[in-house]
Protein backbone atom coordinates (compact mmCIF):
# COMPACT_ATOMS: atom_id res chain seq x y z
CA UNK A 1 -35.77 4.64 -11.12
CA UNK A 2 -39.11 5.35 -9.43
CA UNK A 3 -39.40 1.64 -8.63
CA UNK A 4 -36.18 1.74 -6.63
CA UNK A 5 -37.34 4.86 -4.82
CA UNK A 6 -40.46 2.99 -3.70
CA UNK A 7 -38.39 0.02 -2.60
CA UNK A 8 -36.01 2.31 -0.73
CA UNK A 9 -38.95 3.93 1.05
CA UNK A 10 -40.12 0.45 2.08
CA UNK A 11 -36.61 -0.35 3.34
CA UNK A 12 -36.89 2.64 5.67
CA UNK A 13 -40.22 1.33 6.99
CA UNK A 14 -38.59 -2.05 7.61
CA UNK A 15 -35.68 -0.38 9.37
CA UNK A 16 -37.97 1.69 11.59
CA UNK A 17 -39.61 -1.50 12.82
CA UNK A 18 -36.27 -3.24 13.25
CA UNK A 19 -34.85 -0.34 15.25
CA UNK A 20 -37.77 -0.39 17.67
CA UNK A 21 -37.31 -4.11 18.33
CA UNK A 22 -33.52 -4.13 18.55
CA UNK A 23 -33.20 -1.06 20.78
CA UNK A 24 -35.71 -2.54 23.23
CA UNK A 25 -33.43 -5.57 23.60
CA UNK A 26 -30.06 -3.77 23.54
CA UNK A 27 -28.41 -4.10 26.97
CA UNK A 28 -31.54 -5.85 28.27
CA UNK A 29 -30.79 -7.89 31.38
CA UNK A 30 -32.92 -10.80 30.10
CA UNK A 31 -31.40 -10.89 26.58
CA UNK A 32 -31.15 -14.52 25.45
CA UNK A 33 -28.03 -15.52 23.50
CA UNK A 34 -27.30 -18.90 21.93
CA UNK A 35 -24.50 -20.27 19.74
CA UNK A 36 -25.24 -21.30 16.16
CA UNK A 37 -23.56 -24.37 14.60
CA UNK A 38 -20.72 -22.17 13.33
CA UNK A 39 -20.22 -20.99 16.95
CA UNK A 40 -21.29 -17.41 16.19
CA UNK A 41 -23.82 -15.91 18.62
CA UNK A 42 -27.48 -15.26 17.90
CA UNK A 43 -29.74 -13.32 20.27
CA UNK A 44 -33.50 -13.20 20.62
CA UNK A 45 -33.25 -9.72 19.06
CA UNK A 46 -31.75 -11.19 15.84
CA UNK A 47 -34.62 -13.59 15.37
CA UNK A 48 -37.32 -11.10 16.37
CA UNK A 49 -36.06 -8.47 13.93
CA UNK A 50 -35.89 -10.90 11.04
CA UNK A 51 -39.37 -12.27 11.74
CA UNK A 52 -40.81 -8.74 11.78
CA UNK A 53 -39.14 -7.79 8.50
CA UNK A 54 -40.28 -10.99 6.84
CA UNK A 55 -43.87 -10.43 7.98
CA UNK A 56 -43.93 -6.92 6.51
CA UNK A 57 -42.37 -8.05 3.23
CA UNK A 58 -44.90 -10.88 2.91
CA UNK A 59 -47.67 -8.27 2.94
CA UNK A 60 -45.96 -5.46 1.01
CA UNK A 61 -43.93 -7.45 -1.55
CA UNK A 62 -45.56 -10.88 -2.08
CA UNK A 63 -43.79 -11.21 -5.43
CA UNK A 64 -40.31 -10.89 -3.83
CA UNK A 65 -38.33 -13.65 -2.16
CA UNK A 66 -36.35 -13.24 1.07
CA UNK A 67 -32.93 -14.43 2.20
CA UNK A 68 -32.12 -13.87 5.86
CA UNK A 69 -29.19 -14.83 8.04
CA UNK A 70 -31.32 -16.54 10.68
CA UNK A 71 -34.07 -18.26 8.66
CA UNK A 72 -32.50 -18.80 5.25
CA UNK A 73 -34.21 -18.41 1.88
CA UNK A 74 -37.96 -18.16 1.32
CA UNK A 75 -39.59 -18.12 -2.11
CA UNK A 76 -42.04 -15.38 -2.99
CA UNK A 77 -45.62 -16.18 -2.09
CA UNK A 78 -46.68 -15.20 -5.61
CA UNK A 79 -44.19 -17.56 -7.26
CA UNK A 80 -40.54 -17.54 -8.39
CA UNK A 81 -39.06 -14.22 -9.52
CA UNK A 82 -35.74 -12.45 -9.96
CA UNK A 83 -36.18 -10.05 -7.02
CA UNK A 84 -35.46 -10.92 -3.42
CA UNK A 85 -34.60 -9.10 -0.20
CA UNK A 86 -31.48 -9.92 1.79
CA UNK A 87 -31.62 -9.32 5.53
CA UNK A 88 -29.00 -9.31 8.26
CA UNK A 89 -31.16 -8.52 11.30
CA UNK A 90 -28.19 -7.51 13.47
CA UNK A 91 -24.80 -7.16 11.86
CA UNK A 92 -22.32 -7.04 14.73
CA UNK A 93 -24.12 -9.40 17.10
CA UNK A 94 -20.97 -9.83 19.19
CA UNK A 95 -21.00 -6.07 19.78
CA UNK A 96 -24.73 -6.14 20.48
CA UNK A 97 -24.53 -8.82 23.17
CA UNK A 98 -21.59 -7.06 24.88
CA UNK A 99 -23.29 -3.67 24.94
CA UNK A 100 -21.10 -2.07 22.27
CA UNK A 101 -23.28 0.31 20.21
CA UNK A 102 -21.68 -0.48 16.82
CA UNK A 103 -24.24 -2.82 15.27
CA UNK A 104 -26.87 -2.41 12.57
CA UNK A 105 -29.73 -3.94 10.63
CA UNK A 106 -28.77 -4.50 6.98
CA UNK A 107 -31.50 -4.54 4.32
CA UNK A 108 -30.89 -5.05 0.61
CA UNK A 109 -32.94 -5.70 -2.51
CA UNK A 110 -31.42 -7.90 -5.21
CA UNK A 111 -32.37 -8.15 -8.86
CA UNK A 112 -30.81 -11.43 -9.86
CA UNK A 113 -27.22 -11.26 -8.62
CA UNK A 114 -27.15 -7.46 -8.39
CA UNK A 115 -27.90 -5.46 -5.21
CA UNK A 116 -29.98 -2.45 -6.31
CA UNK A 117 -31.09 -1.06 -2.94
CA UNK A 118 -29.16 -1.00 0.32
CA UNK A 119 -29.94 0.37 3.77
CA UNK A 120 -27.90 0.16 6.97
CA UNK A 121 -29.55 1.31 10.19
CA UNK A 122 -27.48 1.70 13.37
CA UNK A 123 -30.00 2.98 15.94
CA UNK A 124 -27.62 2.90 18.92
CA UNK A 125 -25.41 5.31 16.95
CA UNK A 126 -28.43 7.37 15.83
CA UNK A 127 -27.39 7.00 12.20
CA UNK A 128 -28.61 5.40 8.98
CA UNK A 129 -27.11 5.04 5.49
CA UNK A 130 -28.96 4.16 2.28
CA UNK A 131 -28.77 4.09 -1.51
CA UNK A 132 -30.68 2.95 -4.57
CA UNK A 133 -29.13 2.29 -7.94
CA UNK A 134 -29.02 5.58 -9.82
CA UNK A 135 -30.38 7.51 -6.83
CA UNK A 136 -27.17 8.36 -4.96
CA UNK A 137 -26.07 7.51 -1.41
CA UNK A 138 -27.24 9.30 1.74
CA UNK A 139 -26.72 9.30 5.49
CA UNK A 140 -28.54 10.85 8.43
CA UNK A 141 -30.75 10.12 11.41
CA UNK A 142 -33.67 9.27 9.13
CA UNK A 143 -35.03 9.64 5.61
CA UNK A 144 -36.08 13.24 6.22
CA UNK A 145 -32.80 14.35 7.80
CA UNK A 146 -30.18 13.27 5.27
CA UNK A 147 -27.02 14.39 3.54
CA UNK A 148 -25.66 13.03 0.28
CA UNK A 149 -22.36 11.23 0.84
CA UNK A 150 -19.31 10.63 -1.33
CA UNK A 151 -16.07 8.71 -1.04
CA UNK A 152 -12.72 10.42 -0.58
CA UNK A 153 -10.30 11.52 -3.30
CA UNK A 154 -7.15 10.02 -1.73
CA UNK A 155 -4.97 8.57 -4.48
CA UNK A 156 -1.89 7.18 -2.71
CA UNK A 157 -1.64 4.30 -0.26
CA UNK A 158 0.81 6.29 1.85
CA UNK A 159 -1.93 8.88 2.38
CA UNK A 160 -4.73 6.37 2.97
CA UNK A 161 -6.74 5.48 6.05
CA UNK A 162 -7.19 1.70 5.81
CA UNK A 163 -9.74 -0.41 7.69
CA UNK A 164 -9.90 -4.13 8.43
CA UNK A 165 -12.07 -6.31 10.67
CA UNK A 166 -9.43 -8.60 12.21
CA UNK A 167 -6.17 -10.29 11.30
CA UNK A 168 -7.08 -13.93 12.01
CA UNK A 169 -8.98 -14.40 8.76
CA UNK A 170 -6.05 -13.15 6.70
CA UNK A 171 -3.78 -15.68 8.41
CA UNK A 172 -6.32 -18.43 7.62
CA UNK A 173 -6.15 -17.71 3.88
CA UNK A 174 -2.38 -17.28 3.82
CA UNK A 175 -2.31 -13.53 3.21
CA UNK A 176 -1.40 -12.15 6.61
CA UNK A 177 2.00 -10.93 5.36
CA UNK A 178 0.31 -8.93 2.58
CA UNK A 179 -2.11 -7.38 5.05
CA UNK A 180 0.65 -6.47 7.48
CA UNK A 181 2.61 -4.80 4.69
CA UNK A 182 -0.44 -2.67 3.90
CA UNK A 183 -1.02 -1.73 7.54
CA UNK A 184 2.60 -0.70 7.98
CA UNK A 185 2.62 1.32 4.76
CA UNK A 186 -0.57 3.36 4.93
CA UNK A 187 -1.05 6.69 6.69
CA UNK A 188 -3.42 5.18 9.27
CA UNK A 189 -5.03 1.80 9.99
CA UNK A 190 -7.95 0.93 12.24
CA UNK A 191 -10.07 -2.20 12.80
CA UNK A 192 -13.62 -0.83 12.92
CA UNK A 193 -15.16 -4.08 11.67
CA UNK A 194 -18.55 -5.22 10.36
CA UNK A 195 -20.68 -2.69 8.46
CA UNK A 196 -19.11 0.38 10.06
CA UNK A 197 -15.88 0.58 8.10
CA UNK A 198 -17.75 0.43 4.79
CA UNK A 199 -20.08 3.23 5.85
CA UNK A 200 -17.08 5.38 6.86
CA UNK A 201 -15.63 4.58 3.44
CA UNK A 202 -18.85 5.74 1.73
CA UNK A 203 -18.73 8.97 3.75
CA UNK A 204 -15.12 9.65 2.79
CA UNK A 205 -13.89 9.30 6.39
CA UNK A 206 -11.58 6.45 5.39
CA UNK A 207 -10.32 5.24 2.04
CA UNK A 208 -10.30 1.42 1.89
CA UNK A 209 -11.48 -1.67 3.76
CA UNK A 210 -10.84 -5.36 3.19
CA UNK A 211 -12.16 -8.60 4.69
CA UNK A 212 -11.23 -12.20 3.76
CA UNK A 213 -14.73 -13.72 3.86
CA UNK A 214 -18.30 -12.45 4.09
CA UNK A 215 -21.73 -13.93 3.44
CA UNK A 216 -24.23 -12.31 1.09
CA UNK A 217 -26.29 -10.89 3.96
CA UNK A 218 -23.13 -9.23 5.33
CA UNK A 219 -22.39 -7.36 2.12
CA UNK A 220 -25.48 -6.98 -0.09
CA UNK A 221 -26.70 -3.77 1.58
CA UNK A 222 -23.21 -2.27 1.62
CA UNK A 223 -22.59 -2.53 -2.12
CA UNK A 224 -25.17 0.02 -3.38
CA UNK A 225 -24.18 2.48 -0.67
CA UNK A 226 -20.46 2.34 -1.42
CA UNK A 227 -20.87 2.32 -5.20
CA UNK A 228 -23.49 5.08 -5.29
CA UNK A 229 -21.11 7.14 -3.15
CA UNK A 230 -18.51 6.72 -5.91
CA UNK A 231 -16.56 3.78 -4.52
CA UNK A 232 -15.85 0.28 -5.74
CA UNK A 233 -16.31 -3.19 -4.19
CA UNK A 234 -14.86 -6.46 -5.54
CA UNK A 235 -13.39 -9.70 -4.27
CA UNK A 236 -9.62 -10.26 -3.97
CA UNK A 237 -9.41 -11.05 -7.69
CA UNK A 238 -11.23 -7.91 -8.76
CA UNK A 239 -14.50 -9.67 -9.57
CA UNK A 240 -17.99 -8.72 -8.36
CA UNK A 241 -18.55 -10.07 -4.88
CA UNK A 242 -20.62 -13.19 -4.19
CA UNK A 243 -21.71 -15.26 -1.22
CA UNK A 244 -18.82 -16.35 1.03
CA UNK A 245 -16.59 -13.94 -0.82
CA UNK A 246 -13.57 -11.89 0.08
CA UNK A 247 -14.28 -8.17 -0.10
CA UNK A 248 -12.22 -5.13 -1.00
CA UNK A 249 -13.98 -1.79 -0.77
CA UNK A 250 -12.21 1.42 -1.77
CA UNK A 251 -12.81 4.94 -2.98
CA UNK A 252 -12.11 3.56 -6.46
CA UNK A 253 -8.88 5.51 -6.89
CA UNK A 254 -6.99 3.10 -4.60
CA UNK A 255 -8.63 -0.11 -5.77
CA UNK A 256 -5.94 -1.44 -8.08
CA UNK A 257 -3.27 -0.63 -5.50
CA UNK A 258 -5.10 -2.62 -2.81
CA UNK A 259 -5.71 -5.54 -5.19
CA UNK A 260 -2.01 -5.64 -6.05
CA UNK A 261 -0.93 -5.38 -2.43
CA UNK A 262 -3.19 -8.27 -1.36
CA UNK A 263 -2.38 -10.55 -4.32
CA UNK A 264 -1.26 -14.08 -3.51
CA UNK A 265 2.50 -14.48 -3.58
CA UNK A 266 4.19 -17.40 -5.29
């Protein structure tokens, strides 16, 4: 476990650098924003953060590969290996470019197909969440001001606070009716979106979140945090999540209920 502790400490160093860069560009009058081929926005802050993280990893972890949202996959300088870092330089870019403070840098370490370290840093909120496999999940302003976090113990959907990012994606995959039934049947529903709902889930502030499609860089950092906090994350079929996967995150106690409620209808 000491190896993951070292990697987690490095993730904090990476996040410190990322926070400095991103906060300097947040609400900047000269922020440059372009559209990627998939029509999602990318700012000069996204690319600057990812370049800085990659430069540090090249020096500190030459045996690890890197996968980033903006610059794709890079092999380890020391040759192929099973470990690689997954970076989303700014998760919530649409919020970032509109001046909404709910955005974060997501940093994960993978061993093969398994995320073993995850860190989410939201500097405009003054908050950070992190976890390493077997080390527990924590939240606070920084590594030295932290509290261990745990998911809720809500057991019934009628008592649950349920989170979703938007409804359009559920319509696209033909499961909007299932989602609407959930939203009308739970105690409370809110669309926090992006990383934030999953971090509230890990803290026990809400009980479940679901999204129809995410890329690996959107979810890799979230998985260790939610699972080390006692929760569970799968795709819509109950399998471990993968790239371009649907995602259901719950406190574990509600997981089968959410899977059943979102199941495809004949």
